Amino acid sequence: MRDFSWKYFTMTGDVESYLLYKEIDHQDIVEPEEQEDLIPDDMELSL
């Protein structure tokens, strides 16, 4: 989604797509630890 919003912005100059790009980029920087918590602790991982 991040790449799409940037590509759309560069093609159209749409400010809202740029703001979406920046919001997604900011969330990737601020919330990387929260994404690790998506797997429940009691779920076994097979290697």
Protein backbone atom coordinates (compact mmCIF):
# COMPACT_ATOMS: atom_id res chain seq x y z
CA MET A 1 0.00 0.00 0.00
CA ARG A 2 2.90 2.32 0.80
CA ASP A 3 4.47 1.86 -2.63
CA PHE A 4 1.13 2.29 -4.36
CA SER A 5 0.40 5.57 -2.60
CA TRP A 6 3.86 6.92 -3.51
CA LYS A 7 3.55 5.83 -7.14
CA TYR A 8 0.06 7.37 -7.37
CA PHE A 9 1.36 10.61 -5.84
CA THR A 10 4.27 10.84 -8.30
CA MET A 11 1.94 10.23 -11.24
CA THR A 12 -0.87 12.56 -10.18
CA GLY A 13 0.50 15.00 -7.60
CA ASP A 14 -2.48 14.18 -5.36
CA VAL A 15 -1.75 15.56 -1.88
CA GLU A 16 -4.00 13.05 -0.11
CA SER A 17 -2.03 10.14 -1.53
CA TYR A 18 1.17 11.77 -0.24
CA LEU A 19 -0.36 12.17 3.21
CA LEU A 20 -1.39 8.50 3.13
CA TYR A 21 2.17 7.56 2.19
CA LYS A 22 3.59 9.57 5.09
CA GLU A 23 1.06 8.09 7.55
CA ILE A 24 1.93 4.52 6.53
CA ASP A 25 5.65 5.33 6.71
CA HIS A 26 5.22 6.81 10.19
CA GLN A 27 3.30 3.76 11.41
CA ASP A 28 6.05 1.44 10.15
CA ILE A 29 8.60 3.40 12.22
CA VAL A 30 6.53 3.82 15.39
CA GLU A 31 4.80 0.42 15.68
CA PRO A 32 7.19 -2.39 14.64
CA GLU A 33 7.03 -4.07 18.07
CA GLU A 34 3.23 -4.27 17.99
CA GLN A 35 3.31 -6.28 14.76
CA GLU A 36 5.30 -9.03 16.50
CA ASP A 37 2.45 -9.52 18.98
CA LEU A 38 0.09 -10.80 16.27
CA ILE A 39 1.10 -14.42 16.97
CA PRO A 40 -0.47 -15.74 20.20
CA ASP A 41 1.99 -16.97 22.83
CA ASP A 42 0.35 -20.39 23.04
CA MET A 43 0.68 -21.07 19.30
CA GLU A 44 3.45 -23.50 18.47
CA LEU A 45 5.71 -22.64 15.58
CA SER A 46 7.00 -25.52 13.49
CA LEU A 47 10.39 -25.26 11.88
